[in-house]
Amino acid sequence: MAFRGPKVWLWRWRRNPLRRRADVVEAWVVLAAWLLTVVAGVLAGLVAARSVEHGLARERAAWHPTVAHVVAKAPGRATAGSADAERVWAEVRWAGADGAAHSGQARVAPGSKAATPVTVWTDQRGHLVTRPTTASEATLRATLTGGLVGLSAAAVPFAGGLVLRGRLERRRMARWDAEWARLGPQWGRTAG
């Protein structure tokens, strides 16, 4: 392992007779890639989180509980703990906000008799929907989505910077090889 000496911060920008133009270009590429990575990740994450949060808030405002009634006896047997734990699909009917009759499939307790009231969630048109998320569930979902979108968006400039830096490194190595091919044979000569 080669000894590298002490780490010098910002050495690519300092005046140095050994500094090459490729070193300065690489320094700017690394700086730009890191800045774009951070900015793209944070902005994309915030926009995605805000969008999810607003969408779920609209659902909470528009969806409302409605009392429906089981049409026919639900399959299964009613047991002591089945009311909350295990649910089965059954046909239910309810009246929409406009008074029109609607029907659909909903999860009910096993063995529910016909005309048993069941709470279902409907949208403004009276169609069945799932229970809307609570405010805390929406915050968690928005945070997770924002984090994933932010990481995904940040990966693009980060990967682009790695690819560009790799190309610069290969170009620098090719120049060193050409220089070594030109000057290497002269090292064996001695003045005599």
Protein backbone atom coordinates (compact mmCIF):
# COMPACT_ATOMS: atom_id res chain seq x y z
CA MET A 1 0.00 0.00 0.00
CA ALA A 2 1.43 3.37 -0.99
CA PHE A 3 1.83 6.17 1.52
CA ARG A 4 -0.29 9.12 0.44
CA GLY A 5 0.64 11.68 3.04
CA PRO A 6 -1.68 14.01 4.88
CA LYS A 7 -5.08 14.84 3.39
CA VAL A 8 -5.19 18.37 2.00
CA TRP A 9 -8.63 19.89 1.66
CA LEU A 10 -9.58 21.55 -1.63
CA TRP A 11 -6.22 20.66 -3.17
CA ARG A 12 -7.64 20.72 -6.68
CA TRP A 13 -8.45 24.44 -6.41
CA ARG A 14 -5.18 25.51 -4.79
CA ARG A 15 -2.31 26.84 -6.85
CA ASN A 16 0.15 24.06 -7.46
CA PRO A 17 2.63 23.50 -10.29
CA LEU A 18 1.58 19.82 -10.45
CA ARG A 19 -2.14 20.60 -10.75
CA ARG A 20 -3.55 19.66 -14.13
CA ARG A 21 -6.60 21.04 -15.88
CA ALA A 22 -8.17 17.57 -15.54
CA ASP A 23 -7.91 17.90 -11.74
CA VAL A 24 -9.81 21.18 -11.76
CA VAL A 25 -12.48 19.82 -14.14
CA GLU A 26 -12.90 16.75 -11.95
CA ALA A 27 -13.25 18.93 -8.85
CA TRP A 28 -16.02 20.97 -10.48
CA VAL A 29 -17.76 17.82 -11.71
CA VAL A 30 -17.74 16.33 -8.20
CA LEU A 31 -19.00 19.57 -6.66
CA ALA A 32 -21.78 19.96 -9.25
CA ALA A 33 -22.82 16.31 -8.91
CA TRP A 34 -23.09 16.59 -5.11
CA LEU A 35 -25.02 19.85 -5.29
CA LEU A 36 -27.43 18.48 -7.89
CA THR A 37 -27.82 15.27 -5.89
CA VAL A 38 -28.81 17.13 -2.74
CA VAL A 39 -31.03 19.71 -4.44
CA ALA A 40 -32.81 17.19 -6.71
CA GLY A 41 -33.36 14.75 -3.86
CA VAL A 42 -34.71 17.31 -1.42
CA LEU A 43 -36.96 19.09 -3.93
CA ALA A 44 -38.38 15.90 -5.43
CA GLY A 45 -38.98 14.44 -1.97
CA LEU A 46 -40.76 17.54 -0.71
CA VAL A 47 -42.94 17.84 -3.81
CA ALA A 48 -43.91 14.14 -3.66
CA ALA A 49 -44.65 14.26 0.08
CA ARG A 50 -46.78 17.38 -0.30
CA SER A 51 -48.69 15.87 -3.23
CA VAL A 52 -49.45 12.66 -1.33
CA GLU A 53 -50.46 14.59 1.79
CA HIS A 54 -52.85 16.85 -0.19
CA GLY A 55 -54.35 13.91 -2.07
CA LEU A 56 -55.05 12.00 1.12
CA ALA A 57 -56.49 15.13 2.77
CA ARG A 58 -58.89 15.54 -0.19
CA GLU A 59 -59.98 11.93 0.27
CA ARG A 60 -60.60 12.47 3.98
CA ALA A 61 -62.73 15.52 3.18
CA ALA A 62 -64.72 13.93 0.34
CA TRP A 63 -65.27 10.37 1.60
CA HIS A 64 -67.82 9.79 4.34
CA PRO A 65 -69.24 6.85 6.28
CA THR A 66 -72.65 5.53 5.25
CA VAL A 67 -74.86 2.92 6.86
CA ALA A 68 -75.52 -0.01 4.53
CA HIS A 69 -77.57 -3.14 5.13
CA VAL A 70 -76.59 -6.72 4.36
CA VAL A 71 -78.80 -8.07 1.53
CA ALA A 72 -78.57 -11.82 2.35
CA LYS A 73 -77.05 -13.84 5.20
CA ALA A 74 -73.27 -13.61 5.03
CA PRO A 75 -71.26 -16.82 4.68
CA GLY A 76 -69.57 -18.32 7.73
CA ARG A 77 -70.54 -18.62 11.36
CA ALA A 78 -70.63 -15.89 13.92
CA THR A 79 -68.20 -16.59 16.73
CA ALA A 80 -67.33 -14.65 19.86
CA GLY A 81 -64.24 -12.90 18.41
CA SER A 82 -65.30 -12.75 14.76
CA ALA A 83 -66.88 -9.30 14.85
CA ASP A 84 -63.58 -7.46 14.49
CA ALA A 85 -60.98 -10.07 13.65
CA GLU A 86 -62.33 -12.00 10.66
CA ARG A 87 -64.47 -10.46 7.93
CA VAL A 88 -66.14 -11.95 4.84
CA TRP A 89 -67.46 -10.40 1.63
CA ALA A 90 -71.21 -9.89 1.36
CA GLU A 91 -73.66 -7.96 -0.79
CA VAL A 92 -74.84 -4.71 0.85
CA ARG A 93 -77.25 -1.92 -0.12
CA TRP A 94 -77.32 1.74 0.89
CA ALA A 95 -78.91 5.00 -0.10
CA GLY A 96 -76.65 7.65 -1.61
CA ALA A 97 -76.69 11.34 -0.68
CA ASP A 98 -79.08 11.96 -3.57
CA GLY A 99 -81.44 9.21 -2.31
CA ALA A 100 -80.57 6.75 -5.09
CA ALA A 101 -80.17 3.09 -4.08
CA HIS A 102 -76.68 1.59 -4.45
CA SER A 103 -75.34 -1.90 -3.91
CA GLY A 104 -71.92 -3.48 -3.75
CA GLN A 105 -69.64 -5.90 -1.95
CA ALA A 106 -68.37 -5.02 1.53
CA ARG A 107 -66.54 -6.84 4.32
CA VAL A 108 -68.91 -7.88 7.12
CA ALA A 109 -68.79 -10.14 10.17
CA PRO A 110 -69.23 -13.84 9.29
CA GLY A 111 -72.81 -15.04 9.64
CA SER A 112 -74.33 -11.53 9.54
CA LYS A 113 -78.09 -11.79 8.96
CA ALA A 114 -79.99 -9.96 6.24
CA ALA A 115 -80.71 -6.29 7.08
CA THR A 116 -77.78 -6.12 9.53
CA PRO A 117 -76.43 -2.54 9.47
CA VAL A 118 -72.81 -2.15 8.37
CA THR A 119 -70.75 1.03 8.08
CA VAL A 120 -69.22 1.52 4.62
CA TRP A 121 -67.30 4.46 3.13
CA THR A 122 -68.56 6.18 -0.02
CA ASP A 123 -67.38 9.00 -2.26
CA GLN A 124 -69.46 11.95 -3.48
CA ARG A 125 -71.13 9.86 -6.21
CA GLY A 126 -72.13 7.16 -3.75
CA HIS A 127 -69.56 4.57 -4.88
CA LEU A 128 -67.85 2.33 -2.33
CA VAL A 129 -64.32 3.32 -1.34
CA THR A 130 -61.88 2.17 1.32
CA ARG A 131 -61.70 3.88 4.69
CA PRO A 132 -59.65 7.06 4.24
CA THR A 133 -56.33 7.33 6.00
CA THR A 134 -56.11 9.17 9.28
CA ALA A 135 -53.98 12.31 9.52
CA SER A 136 -51.13 10.40 11.18
CA GLU A 137 -51.30 7.59 8.60
CA ALA A 138 -51.27 10.19 5.82
CA THR A 139 -48.21 11.87 7.33
CA LEU A 140 -46.38 8.56 7.55
CA ARG A 141 -47.32 7.59 3.99
CA ALA A 142 -46.33 11.03 2.66
CA THR A 143 -43.00 10.89 4.52
CA LEU A 144 -42.15 7.42 3.22
CA THR A 145 -43.18 8.28 -0.33
CA GLY A 146 -41.26 11.56 -0.23
CA GLY A 147 -38.18 9.77 1.07
CA LEU A 148 -38.28 7.12 -1.63
CA VAL A 149 -38.92 9.65 -4.41
CA GLY A 150 -36.16 11.89 -3.04
CA LEU A 151 -33.64 9.03 -2.98
CA SER A 152 -34.64 7.97 -6.48
CA ALA A 153 -34.34 11.50 -7.82
CA ALA A 154 -31.00 12.00 -6.08
CA ALA A 155 -29.64 8.81 -7.64
CA VAL A 156 -29.83 10.30 -11.16
CA PRO A 157 -27.31 13.16 -10.77
CA PHE A 158 -25.20 11.03 -8.43
CA ALA A 159 -24.92 8.25 -11.02
CA GLY A 160 -24.33 10.81 -13.76
CA GLY A 161 -21.48 12.32 -11.74
CA LEU A 162 -19.94 8.88 -11.21
CA VAL A 163 -20.12 8.10 -14.92
CA LEU A 164 -18.62 11.46 -15.89
CA ARG A 165 -15.87 11.14 -13.27
CA GLY A 166 -15.07 7.62 -14.56
CA ARG A 167 -14.76 8.95 -18.10
CA LEU A 168 -12.45 11.72 -16.91
CA GLU A 169 -10.36 9.15 -15.04
CA ARG A 170 -10.03 6.93 -18.13
CA ARG A 171 -9.08 9.95 -20.22
CA ARG A 172 -6.43 10.98 -17.67
CA MET A 173 -5.01 7.44 -17.58
CA ALA A 174 -4.86 7.36 -21.38
CA ARG A 175 -2.89 10.62 -21.34
CA TRP A 176 -0.53 9.25 -18.70
CA ASP A 177 -0.01 6.09 -20.80
CA ALA A 178 0.79 8.19 -23.86
CA GLU A 179 3.19 10.35 -21.84
CA TRP A 180 4.87 7.28 -20.34
CA ALA A 181 5.23 5.71 -23.78
CA ARG A 182 6.98 8.88 -24.94
CA LEU A 183 9.22 9.48 -21.89
CA GLY A 184 9.65 6.00 -20.39
CA PRO A 185 12.36 4.79 -22.79
CA GLN A 186 14.51 7.84 -21.99
CA TRP A 187 14.89 6.82 -18.34
CA GLY A 188 17.34 4.07 -19.13
CA ARG A 189 19.84 6.45 -20.71
CA THR A 190 22.75 7.73 -18.68
CA ALA A 191 24.98 10.65 -19.44
CA GLY A 192 28.29 9.37 -20.35
